[in-house]
């Protein structure tokens, strides 16, 4: 039996969205993963670090998947529901979660860490990353790249020509170099996403709040209903995520 628009939207609007676990979307949406395997590569680097910082850890799920954490492991997070979730998940593993505003400066001394990691940071504060890294220390991260999921963004907000060029790896690497870091590796991939019902779209936009800033079901109900009908006709709504792997080192 085909579920109604109102039923799908009401369900997705009521689901908790704290943390960075997307298992609720299983069977309702798909997303290709980057070929490089960020969590595995991050885990390899954490295993040999003495002191590490994970910036914007979310609910701590990615960091918690590392096979071994360094003796000193700190994570920052600014969204209150995620702070609670990350604390519960990471404290038993020996990691300290520090609540921040999400804005610089980082609440840490100069040259405090030999590794800084981050997965999908909203903003990359290159000067702060360089400041808290020890000489010879490394920044290793997976960023959201340019024009990520813009098929969804532009469906709701219209053309976003200027925003499409933001977060380009050429710009980010130039900013890293300007902050005093040396680029070791940079890669970018575009990855297919599919949404199979309108509930999946609503859940995704409630959770990944920068895709359609200010999104609410009430404000976007007409566009949601049109998209529901489109998905029913075509079978899915296709978008493309953009991901950038970047590794940079502070000169010794």
C-alpha atoms as a PDB file:
ATOM      1  CA  UNK A   1       0.000   0.000   0.000  1.00  0.00           C
ATOM      2  CA  UNK A   2       1.365   3.427  -0.999  1.00  0.00           C
ATOM      3  CA  UNK A   3       1.679   5.764   1.961  1.00  0.00           C
ATOM      4  CA  UNK A   4       0.221   9.248   1.744  1.00  0.00           C
ATOM      5  CA  UNK A   5       2.172  12.473   1.624  1.00  0.00           C
ATOM      6  CA  UNK A   6       0.817  13.594   5.011  1.00  0.00           C
ATOM      7  CA  UNK A   7       1.687  10.266   6.646  1.00  0.00           C
ATOM      8  CA  UNK A   8       5.265  10.222   5.345  1.00  0.00           C
ATOM      9  CA  UNK A   9       5.918  13.854   6.272  1.00  0.00           C
ATOM     10  CA  UNK A  10       4.400  13.557   9.749  1.00  0.00           C
ATOM     11  CA  UNK A  11       6.534  10.502  10.509  1.00  0.00           C
ATOM     12  CA  UNK A  12       9.771  12.127   9.324  1.00  0.00           C
ATOM     13  CA  UNK A  13       9.014  15.370  11.155  1.00  0.00           C
ATOM     14  CA  UNK A  14       8.685  13.531  14.479  1.00  0.00           C
ATOM     15  CA  UNK A  15      11.869  11.416  14.342  1.00  0.00           C
ATOM     16  CA  UNK A  16      14.764  12.587  16.585  1.00  0.00           C
ATOM     17  CA  UNK A  17      17.716  13.848  14.521  1.00  0.00           C
ATOM     18  CA  UNK A  18      20.493  14.131  17.133  1.00  0.00           C
ATOM     19  CA  UNK A  19      23.818  12.526  16.289  1.00  0.00           C
ATOM     20  CA  UNK A  20      25.253  11.566  12.954  1.00  0.00           C
ATOM     21  CA  UNK A  21      23.620   8.160  12.509  1.00  0.00           C
ATOM     22  CA  UNK A  22      21.603   7.882   9.297  1.00  0.00           C
ATOM     23  CA  UNK A  23      20.294   4.340   9.816  1.00  0.00           C
ATOM     24  CA  UNK A  24      16.695   5.643   9.807  1.00  0.00           C
ATOM     25  CA  UNK A  25      17.119   6.182   6.060  1.00  0.00           C
ATOM     26  CA  UNK A  26      17.895   2.529   5.354  1.00  0.00           C
ATOM     27  CA  UNK A  27      15.715   1.408   2.462  1.00  0.00           C
ATOM     28  CA  UNK A  28      14.484   4.974   1.954  1.00  0.00           C
ATOM     29  CA  UNK A  29      17.610   6.687   0.611  1.00  0.00           C
ATOM     30  CA  UNK A  30      21.076   5.720  -0.597  1.00  0.00           C
ATOM     31  CA  UNK A  31      24.417   7.512  -0.858  1.00  0.00           C
ATOM     32  CA  UNK A  32      27.621   6.320  -2.464  1.00  0.00           C
ATOM     33  CA  UNK A  33      30.660   6.434  -0.200  1.00  0.00           C
ATOM     34  CA  UNK A  34      34.032   7.931  -1.199  1.00  0.00           C
ATOM     35  CA  UNK A  35      36.532   5.366  -2.443  1.00  0.00           C
ATOM     36  CA  UNK A  36      39.235   6.311   0.064  1.00  0.00           C
ATOM     37  CA  UNK A  37      37.502   5.164   3.304  1.00  0.00           C
ATOM     38  CA  UNK A  38      37.901   8.129   5.640  1.00  0.00           C
ATOM     39  CA  UNK A  39      37.186   6.327   8.910  1.00  0.00           C
ATOM     40  CA  UNK A  40      39.791   3.641   8.219  1.00  0.00           C
ATOM     41  CA  UNK A  41      42.425   6.212   7.266  1.00  0.00           C
ATOM     42  CA  UNK A  42      41.566   8.367  10.289  1.00  0.00           C
ATOM     43  CA  UNK A  43      41.830   5.316  12.545  1.00  0.00           C
ATOM     44  CA  UNK A  44      45.307   4.523  11.196  1.00  0.00           C
ATOM     45  CA  UNK A  45      46.503   8.026  12.050  1.00  0.00           C
ATOM     46  CA  UNK A  46      44.909   8.091  15.498  1.00  0.00           C
ATOM     47  CA  UNK A  47      46.600   4.816  16.379  1.00  0.00           C
ATOM     48  CA  UNK A  48      50.044   6.449  16.163  1.00  0.00           C
ATOM     49  CA  UNK A  49      49.153   9.882  17.622  1.00  0.00           C
ATOM     50  CA  UNK A  50      50.053  11.009  21.140  1.00  0.00           C
ATOM     51  CA  UNK A  51      47.467  13.800  21.426  1.00  0.00           C
ATOM     52  CA  UNK A  52      44.604  14.377  18.980  1.00  0.00           C
ATOM     53  CA  UNK A  53      41.659  16.712  18.484  1.00  0.00           C
ATOM     54  CA  UNK A  54      38.489  15.846  16.550  1.00  0.00           C
ATOM     55  CA  UNK A  55      36.754  19.071  15.500  1.00  0.00           C
ATOM     56  CA  UNK A  56      32.949  19.102  15.164  1.00  0.00           C
ATOM     57  CA  UNK A  57      32.640  15.478  16.193  1.00  0.00           C
ATOM     58  CA  UNK A  58      28.848  15.410  15.813  1.00  0.00           C
ATOM     59  CA  UNK A  59      27.462  12.606  17.939  1.00  0.00           C
ATOM     60  CA  UNK A  60      30.918  11.033  18.127  1.00  0.00           C
ATOM     61  CA  UNK A  61      29.974   8.046  15.978  1.00  0.00           C
ATOM     62  CA  UNK A  62      32.850   8.351  13.516  1.00  0.00           C
ATOM     63  CA  UNK A  63      35.504   8.882  16.178  1.00  0.00           C
ATOM     64  CA  UNK A  64      34.126   6.015  18.267  1.00  0.00           C
ATOM     65  CA  UNK A  65      34.743   3.680  15.326  1.00  0.00           C
ATOM     66  CA  UNK A  66      38.527   4.121  15.560  1.00  0.00           C
ATOM     67  CA  UNK A  67      40.275   0.930  16.647  1.00  0.00           C
ATOM     68  CA  UNK A  68      42.569   2.788  19.075  1.00  0.00           C
ATOM     69  CA  UNK A  69      42.446   6.306  20.478  1.00  0.00           C
ATOM     70  CA  UNK A  70      45.569   8.190  21.557  1.00  0.00           C
ATOM     71  CA  UNK A  71      46.344   8.711  25.240  1.00  0.00           C
ATOM     72  CA  UNK A  72      45.070  12.295  24.956  1.00  0.00           C
ATOM     73  CA  UNK A  73      41.900  12.457  22.847  1.00  0.00           C
ATOM     74  CA  UNK A  74      39.670  15.540  22.747  1.00  0.00           C
ATOM     75  CA  UNK A  75      36.582  16.221  20.644  1.00  0.00           C
ATOM     76  CA  UNK A  76      34.665  19.474  20.191  1.00  0.00           C
ATOM     77  CA  UNK A  77      30.991  19.966  19.374  1.00  0.00           C
ATOM     78  CA  UNK A  78      28.641  22.970  19.442  1.00  0.00           C
ATOM     79  CA  UNK A  79      25.111  21.555  18.947  1.00  0.00           C
ATOM     80  CA  UNK A  80      23.662  20.669  22.402  1.00  0.00           C
ATOM     81  CA  UNK A  81      21.881  17.403  21.395  1.00  0.00           C
ATOM     82  CA  UNK A  82      25.111  16.169  19.817  1.00  0.00           C
ATOM     83  CA  UNK A  83      27.180  17.217  22.845  1.00  0.00           C
ATOM     84  CA  UNK A  84      25.055  14.956  25.048  1.00  0.00           C
ATOM     85  CA  UNK A  85      25.208  12.068  22.581  1.00  0.00           C
ATOM     86  CA  UNK A  86      28.965  12.389  21.983  1.00  0.00           C
ATOM     87  CA  UNK A  87      29.687  12.595  25.714  1.00  0.00           C
ATOM     88  CA  UNK A  88      27.796   9.368  26.392  1.00  0.00           C
ATOM     89  CA  UNK A  89      29.516   7.600  23.527  1.00  0.00           C
ATOM     90  CA  UNK A  90      33.089   8.885  23.834  1.00  0.00           C
ATOM     91  CA  UNK A  91      33.703   9.262  27.581  1.00  0.00           C
ATOM     92  CA  UNK A  92      33.751   5.490  28.165  1.00  0.00           C
ATOM     93  CA  UNK A  93      36.435   5.281  25.464  1.00  0.00           C
ATOM     94  CA  UNK A  94      38.635   7.811  27.251  1.00  0.00           C
ATOM     95  CA  UNK A  95      37.892  10.826  25.040  1.00  0.00           C
ATOM     96  CA  UNK A  96      36.920  14.203  26.493  1.00  0.00           C
ATOM     97  CA  UNK A  97      34.129  16.152  24.770  1.00  0.00           C
ATOM     98  CA  UNK A  98      34.434  19.943  24.974  1.00  0.00           C
ATOM     99  CA  UNK A  99      31.378  22.103  24.253  1.00  0.00           C
ATOM    100  CA  UNK A 100      32.250  25.091  22.058  1.00  0.00           C
ATOM    101  CA  UNK A 101      30.439  27.865  20.224  1.00  0.00           C
ATOM    102  CA  UNK A 102      31.653  26.592  16.850  1.00  0.00           C
ATOM    103  CA  UNK A 103      33.567  29.835  16.380  1.00  0.00           C
ATOM    104  CA  UNK A 104      37.282  30.554  16.906  1.00  0.00           C
ATOM    105  CA  UNK A 105      39.376  30.560  18.930  1.00  0.00           C
ATOM    106  CA  UNK A 106      39.653  26.885  19.857  1.00  0.00           C
ATOM    107  CA  UNK A 107      39.826  26.554  23.683  1.00  0.00           C
ATOM    108  CA  UNK A 108      43.269  24.956  23.578  1.00  0.00           C
ATOM    109  CA  UNK A 109      46.862  26.105  23.969  1.00  0.00           C
ATOM    110  CA  UNK A 110      49.232  26.602  21.061  1.00  0.00           C
ATOM    111  CA  UNK A 111      50.858  23.416  19.750  1.00  0.00           C
ATOM    112  CA  UNK A 112      48.656  21.157  21.905  1.00  0.00           C
ATOM    113  CA  UNK A 113      48.058  18.349  19.383  1.00  0.00           C
ATOM    114  CA  UNK A 114      50.032  16.313  16.892  1.00  0.00           C
ATOM    115  CA  UNK A 115      46.862  15.361  14.969  1.00  0.00           C
ATOM    116  CA  UNK A 116      43.663  17.271  14.207  1.00  0.00           C
ATOM    117  CA  UNK A 117      40.820  15.463  12.435  1.00  0.00           C
ATOM    118  CA  UNK A 118      37.365  16.455  11.265  1.00  0.00           C
ATOM    119  CA  UNK A 119      34.603  14.909   9.181  1.00  0.00           C
ATOM    120  CA  UNK A 120      32.321  17.365   7.402  1.00  0.00           C
ATOM    121  CA  UNK A 121      33.112  20.525   9.403  1.00  0.00           C
ATOM    122  CA  UNK A 122      30.685  23.368   8.744  1.00  0.00           C
ATOM    123  CA  UNK A 123      33.529  25.902   8.692  1.00  0.00           C
ATOM    124  CA  UNK A 124      37.265  25.190   8.494  1.00  0.00           C
ATOM    125  CA  UNK A 125      39.237  27.566  10.731  1.00  0.00           C
ATOM    126  CA  UNK A 126      42.656  27.091   9.141  1.00  0.00           C
ATOM    127  CA  UNK A 127      44.542  29.564  11.331  1.00  0.00           C
ATOM    128  CA  UNK A 128      43.241  27.873  14.480  1.00  0.00           C
ATOM    129  CA  UNK A 129      44.102  24.419  13.150  1.00  0.00           C
ATOM    130  CA  UNK A 130      47.646  25.603  12.430  1.00  0.00           C
ATOM    131  CA  UNK A 131      47.894  27.224  15.854  1.00  0.00           C
ATOM    132  CA  UNK A 132      46.963  24.138  17.890  1.00  0.00           C
ATOM    133  CA  UNK A 133      49.095  21.743  15.810  1.00  0.00           C
ATOM    134  CA  UNK A 134      52.592  20.978  16.987  1.00  0.00           C
ATOM    135  CA  UNK A 135      55.418  21.427  14.463  1.00  0.00           C
ATOM    136  CA  UNK A 136      55.292  18.344  12.248  1.00  0.00           C
ATOM    137  CA  UNK A 137      51.643  17.755  13.216  1.00  0.00           C
ATOM    138  CA  UNK A 138      48.953  16.804  10.705  1.00  0.00           C
ATOM    139  CA  UNK A 139      45.425  17.877   9.812  1.00  0.00           C
ATOM    140  CA  UNK A 140      43.436  15.021   8.275  1.00  0.00           C
ATOM    141  CA  UNK A 141      39.808  15.519   7.276  1.00  0.00           C
ATOM    142  CA  UNK A 142      36.958  14.815   4.928  1.00  0.00           C
ATOM    143  CA  UNK A 143      35.178  17.986   3.872  1.00  0.00           C
ATOM    144  CA  UNK A 144      31.915  18.583   2.106  1.00  0.00           C
ATOM    145  CA  UNK A 145      32.923  19.773  -1.349  1.00  0.00           C
ATOM    146  CA  UNK A 146      31.502  22.373  -3.739  1.00  0.00           C
ATOM    147  CA  UNK A 147      27.917  22.115  -4.917  1.00  0.00           C
ATOM    148  CA  UNK A 148      27.137  19.198  -2.622  1.00  0.00           C
ATOM    149  CA  UNK A 149      23.518  17.986  -2.872  1.00  0.00           C
ATOM    150  CA  UNK A 150      22.692  21.166  -4.753  1.00  0.00           C
ATOM    151  CA  UNK A 151      19.921  19.408  -6.655  1.00  0.00           C
ATOM    152  CA  UNK A 152      18.050  19.442  -3.325  1.00  0.00           C
ATOM    153  CA  UNK A 153      19.177  22.935  -2.308  1.00  0.00           C
ATOM    154  CA  UNK A 154      18.171  24.503  -5.598  1.00  0.00           C
ATOM    155  CA  UNK A 155      14.882  22.600  -5.758  1.00  0.00           C
ATOM    156  CA  UNK A 156      13.776  24.451  -2.619  1.00  0.00           C
ATOM    157  CA  UNK A 157      15.705  27.728  -2.882  1.00  0.00           C
ATOM    158  CA  UNK A 158      16.227  28.276  -6.599  1.00  0.00           C
ATOM    159  CA  UNK A 159      19.590  28.811  -8.382  1.00  0.00           C
ATOM    160  CA  UNK A 160      22.571  29.325  -6.071  1.00  0.00           C
ATOM    161  CA  UNK A 161      25.248  30.376  -8.564  1.00  0.00           C
ATOM    162  CA  UNK A 162      27.683  31.975  -6.109  1.00  0.00           C
ATOM    163  CA  UNK A 163      27.331  29.205  -3.531  1.00  0.00           C
ATOM    164  CA  UNK A 164      28.268  26.552  -6.099  1.00  0.00           C
ATOM    165  CA  UNK A 165      31.896  27.725  -6.089  1.00  0.00           C
ATOM    166  CA  UNK A 166      32.301  27.675  -2.308  1.00  0.00           C
ATOM    167  CA  UNK A 167      34.399  24.973  -0.613  1.00  0.00           C
ATOM    168  CA  UNK A 168      36.279  24.166  -3.793  1.00  0.00           C
ATOM    169  CA  UNK A 169      39.457  22.193  -2.960  1.00  0.00           C
ATOM    170  CA  UNK A 170      41.610  24.734  -4.809  1.00  0.00           C
ATOM    171  CA  UNK A 171      40.319  27.480  -2.506  1.00  0.00           C
ATOM    172  CA  UNK A 172      40.637  25.382   0.640  1.00  0.00           C
ATOM    173  CA  UNK A 173      44.181  24.281  -0.114  1.00  0.00           C
ATOM    174  CA  UNK A 174      45.172  27.892  -0.794  1.00  0.00           C
ATOM    175  CA  UNK A 175      43.675  28.896   2.580  1.00  0.00           C
ATOM    176  CA  UNK A 176      45.566  26.075   4.294  1.00  0.00           C
ATOM    177  CA  UNK A 177      48.849  27.179   2.742  1.00  0.00           C
ATOM    178  CA  UNK A 178      48.151  30.789   3.732  1.00  0.00           C
ATOM    179  CA  UNK A 179      47.760  29.590   7.336  1.00  0.00           C
ATOM    180  CA  UNK A 180      51.209  28.027   7.196  1.00  0.00           C
ATOM    181  CA  UNK A 181      50.367  24.402   6.387  1.00  0.00           C
ATOM    182  CA  UNK A 182      51.808  22.211   3.646  1.00  0.00           C
ATOM    183  CA  UNK A 183      49.410  20.114   1.564  1.00  0.00           C
ATOM    184  CA  UNK A 184      50.174  16.399   1.510  1.00  0.00           C
ATOM    185  CA  UNK A 185      47.081  15.061  -0.247  1.00  0.00           C
ATOM    186  CA  UNK A 186      43.818  16.347  -1.694  1.00  0.00           C
ATOM    187  CA  UNK A 187      41.134  14.377  -3.573  1.00  0.00           C
ATOM    188  CA  UNK A 188      37.549  15.064  -4.607  1.00  0.00           C
ATOM    189  CA  UNK A 189      34.694  12.787  -5.659  1.00  0.00           C
ATOM    190  CA  UNK A 190      31.050  13.333  -6.599  1.00  0.00           C
ATOM    191  CA  UNK A 191      28.745  10.617  -5.309  1.00  0.00           C
ATOM    192  CA  UNK A 192      25.221   9.626  -6.307  1.00  0.00           C
ATOM    193  CA  UNK A 193      22.380   9.984  -3.794  1.00  0.00           C
ATOM    194  CA  UNK A 194      18.783   8.807  -4.204  1.00  0.00           C
ATOM    195  CA  UNK A 195      15.707   9.601  -2.110  1.00  0.00           C
ATOM    196  CA  UNK A 196      12.890   7.064  -2.490  1.00  0.00           C
ATOM    197  CA  UNK A 197      10.165   8.849  -0.525  1.00  0.00           C
ATOM    198  CA  UNK A 198       9.416  12.340   0.696  1.00  0.00           C
ATOM    199  CA  UNK A 199       9.897  11.301   4.321  1.00  0.00           C
ATOM    200  CA  UNK A 200      13.557  10.606   3.568  1.00  0.00           C
ATOM    201  CA  UNK A 201      13.938  14.135   2.176  1.00  0.00           C
ATOM    202  CA  UNK A 202      12.310  15.707   5.240  1.00  0.00           C
ATOM    203  CA  UNK A 203      14.478  13.701   7.648  1.00  0.00           C
ATOM    204  CA  UNK A 204      17.644  14.538   5.700  1.00  0.00           C
ATOM    205  CA  UNK A 205      16.904  18.276   5.650  1.00  0.00           C
ATOM    206  CA  UNK A 206      16.091  18.329   9.371  1.00  0.00           C
ATOM    207  CA  UNK A 207      19.369  16.595  10.144  1.00  0.00           C
ATOM    208  CA  UNK A 208      21.740  18.226   7.634  1.00  0.00           C
ATOM    209  CA  UNK A 209      20.576  21.749   8.315  1.00  0.00           C
ATOM    210  CA  UNK A 210      22.907  23.605   5.932  1.00  0.00           C
ATOM    211  CA  UNK A 211      21.452  21.976   2.784  1.00  0.00           C
ATOM    212  CA  UNK A 212      18.326  24.172   2.974  1.00  0.00           C
ATOM    213  CA  UNK A 213      18.973  26.761   5.726  1.00  0.00           C
ATOM    214  CA  UNK A 214      15.878  27.456   7.781  1.00  0.00           C
ATOM    215  CA  UNK A 215      14.031  24.420   6.465  1.00  0.00           C
ATOM    216  CA  UNK A 216      10.695  23.603   8.087  1.00  0.00           C
ATOM    217  CA  UNK A 217       7.887  21.386   6.879  1.00  0.00           C
ATOM    218  CA  UNK A 218       5.396  24.223   7.306  1.00  0.00           C
ATOM    219  CA  UNK A 219       7.364  26.748   5.240  1.00  0.00           C
ATOM    220  CA  UNK A 220       8.118  24.295   2.428  1.00  0.00           C
ATOM    221  CA  UNK A 221       4.995  22.134   2.373  1.00  0.00           C
ATOM    222  CA  UNK A 222       3.962  23.069  -1.184  1.00  0.00           C
ATOM    223  CA  UNK A 223       7.381  22.228  -2.628  1.00  0.00           C
ATOM    224  CA  UNK A 224       7.474  19.034  -0.565  1.00  0.00           C
ATOM    225  CA  UNK A 225       4.115  17.968  -1.972  1.00  0.00           C
ATOM    226  CA  UNK A 226       5.299  18.622  -5.544  1.00  0.00           C
ATOM    227  CA  UNK A 227       8.453  16.609  -4.860  1.00  0.00           C
ATOM    228  CA  UNK A 228       6.385  13.776  -3.371  1.00  0.00           C
ATOM    229  CA  UNK A 229       4.437  13.571  -6.620  1.00  0.00           C
ATOM    230  CA  UNK A 230       7.667  13.653  -8.636  1.00  0.00           C
ATOM    231  CA  UNK A 231       9.153  10.793  -6.635  1.00  0.00           C
ATOM    232  CA  UNK A 232       5.953   8.791  -7.038  1.00  0.00           C
ATOM    233  CA  UNK A 233       6.181   9.295 -10.803  1.00  0.00           C
ATOM    234  CA  UNK A 234       9.944   8.777 -11.296  1.00  0.00           C
ATOM    235  CA  UNK A 235      10.656   6.319  -8.488  1.00  0.00           C
ATOM    236  CA  UNK A 236      13.283   8.499  -6.761  1.00  0.00           C
ATOM    237  CA  UNK A 237      14.885  11.923  -6.585  1.00  0.00           C
ATOM    238  CA  UNK A 238      18.577  11.892  -7.563  1.00  0.00           C
ATOM    239  CA  UNK A 239      21.222  14.252  -6.188  1.00  0.00           C
ATOM    240  CA  UNK A 240      25.014  14.196  -5.916  1.00  0.00           C
ATOM    241  CA  UNK A 241      27.139  14.690  -2.822  1.00  0.00           C
ATOM    242  CA  UNK A 242      30.610  16.206  -3.120  1.00  0.00           C
ATOM    243  CA  UNK A 243      33.400  15.045  -0.805  1.00  0.00           C
ATOM    244  CA  UNK A 244      37.006  16.227  -0.429  1.00  0.00           C
ATOM    245  CA  UNK A 245      39.778  14.354   1.375  1.00  0.00           C
ATOM    246  CA  UNK A 246      42.533  16.662   2.567  1.00  0.00           C
ATOM    247  CA  UNK A 247      45.733  16.120   4.532  1.00  0.00           C
ATOM    248  CA  UNK A 248      48.068  18.960   5.505  1.00  0.00           C
ATOM    249  CA  UNK A 249      51.112  19.220   7.745  1.00  0.00           C
ATOM    250  CA  UNK A 250      52.545  21.975   9.877  1.00  0.00           C
ATOM    251  CA  UNK A 251      56.240  22.323   9.001  1.00  0.00           C
ATOM    252  CA  UNK A 252      58.628  21.042  11.642  1.00  0.00           C
END
